[in-house]
């Protein structure tokens, strides 16, 4: 996790890299299943990083 690239993280959680960049730049927002993948990949609760 620390030192992991966005591309590496995206591959590890099976989320498209281009979409991940758009999520990070708040140009798009992930669907609930994708938000869960991101939270799981960060080993965090979904409610800790996303407003639901």
C-alpha atoms as a PDB file:
ATOM      1  CA  UNK A   1       0.000   0.000   0.000  1.00  0.00           C
ATOM      2  CA  UNK A   2       2.503   2.664   1.001  1.00  0.00           C
ATOM      3  CA  UNK A   3       4.654   3.284  -2.047  1.00  0.00           C
ATOM      4  CA  UNK A   4       2.168   1.523  -4.317  1.00  0.00           C
ATOM      5  CA  UNK A   5       1.426   3.270  -7.586  1.00  0.00           C
ATOM      6  CA  UNK A   6      -2.094   4.098  -8.701  1.00  0.00           C
ATOM      7  CA  UNK A   7      -1.624   1.728 -11.625  1.00  0.00           C
ATOM      8  CA  UNK A   8      -0.482  -1.078  -9.324  1.00  0.00           C
ATOM      9  CA  UNK A   9      -3.339  -0.498  -6.895  1.00  0.00           C
ATOM     10  CA  UNK A  10      -5.847  -0.420  -9.763  1.00  0.00           C
ATOM     11  CA  UNK A  11      -4.550  -3.723 -11.109  1.00  0.00           C
ATOM     12  CA  UNK A  12      -4.562  -5.317  -7.651  1.00  0.00           C
ATOM     13  CA  UNK A  13      -8.222  -4.449  -7.020  1.00  0.00           C
ATOM     14  CA  UNK A  14      -9.339  -4.956 -10.653  1.00  0.00           C
ATOM     15  CA  UNK A  15     -10.476  -1.382 -11.283  1.00  0.00           C
ATOM     16  CA  UNK A  16      -9.691   0.363 -14.559  1.00  0.00           C
ATOM     17  CA  UNK A  17      -6.709   2.728 -14.139  1.00  0.00           C
ATOM     18  CA  UNK A  18      -8.334   5.575 -16.105  1.00  0.00           C
ATOM     19  CA  UNK A  19     -11.441   5.406 -13.942  1.00  0.00           C
ATOM     20  CA  UNK A  20      -9.332   5.335 -10.767  1.00  0.00           C
ATOM     21  CA  UNK A  21      -7.622   8.564 -11.856  1.00  0.00           C
ATOM     22  CA  UNK A  22     -11.010  10.155 -12.519  1.00  0.00           C
ATOM     23  CA  UNK A  23     -12.194   9.078  -9.038  1.00  0.00           C
ATOM     24  CA  UNK A  24      -9.073  10.577  -7.472  1.00  0.00           C
ATOM     25  CA  UNK A  25      -9.590  13.831  -9.373  1.00  0.00           C
ATOM     26  CA  UNK A  26     -13.298  13.819  -8.389  1.00  0.00           C
ATOM     27  CA  UNK A  27     -14.360  13.920 -12.024  1.00  0.00           C
ATOM     28  CA  UNK A  28     -16.394  10.751 -11.501  1.00  0.00           C
ATOM     29  CA  UNK A  29     -17.639   8.860  -8.472  1.00  0.00           C
ATOM     30  CA  UNK A  30     -17.393   5.078  -8.106  1.00  0.00           C
ATOM     31  CA  UNK A  31     -20.403   2.810  -8.038  1.00  0.00           C
ATOM     32  CA  UNK A  32     -21.067   1.107  -4.685  1.00  0.00           C
ATOM     33  CA  UNK A  33     -19.387  -2.172  -5.761  1.00  0.00           C
ATOM     34  CA  UNK A  34     -16.315  -0.277  -7.006  1.00  0.00           C
ATOM     35  CA  UNK A  35     -16.209   1.823  -3.838  1.00  0.00           C
ATOM     36  CA  UNK A  36     -16.201  -1.457  -1.866  1.00  0.00           C
ATOM     37  CA  UNK A  37     -13.264  -2.756  -3.931  1.00  0.00           C
ATOM     38  CA  UNK A  38     -11.341   0.449  -3.242  1.00  0.00           C
ATOM     39  CA  UNK A  39     -12.100   0.339   0.487  1.00  0.00           C
ATOM     40  CA  UNK A  40     -11.164  -3.335   0.701  1.00  0.00           C
ATOM     41  CA  UNK A  41      -7.954  -2.657  -1.220  1.00  0.00           C
ATOM     42  CA  UNK A  42      -7.061   0.046   1.305  1.00  0.00           C
ATOM     43  CA  UNK A  43      -8.082  -2.229   4.186  1.00  0.00           C
ATOM     44  CA  UNK A  44     -10.563   0.385   5.392  1.00  0.00           C
ATOM     45  CA  UNK A  45     -14.283   0.476   6.032  1.00  0.00           C
ATOM     46  CA  UNK A  46     -16.212   1.910   3.111  1.00  0.00           C
ATOM     47  CA  UNK A  47     -17.838   4.509   5.399  1.00  0.00           C
ATOM     48  CA  UNK A  48     -14.402   5.801   6.422  1.00  0.00           C
ATOM     49  CA  UNK A  49     -13.582   6.993   2.906  1.00  0.00           C
ATOM     50  CA  UNK A  50     -16.921   7.443   1.121  1.00  0.00           C
ATOM     51  CA  UNK A  51     -20.088   9.278   2.078  1.00  0.00           C
ATOM     52  CA  UNK A  52     -23.014   6.974   1.614  1.00  0.00           C
END
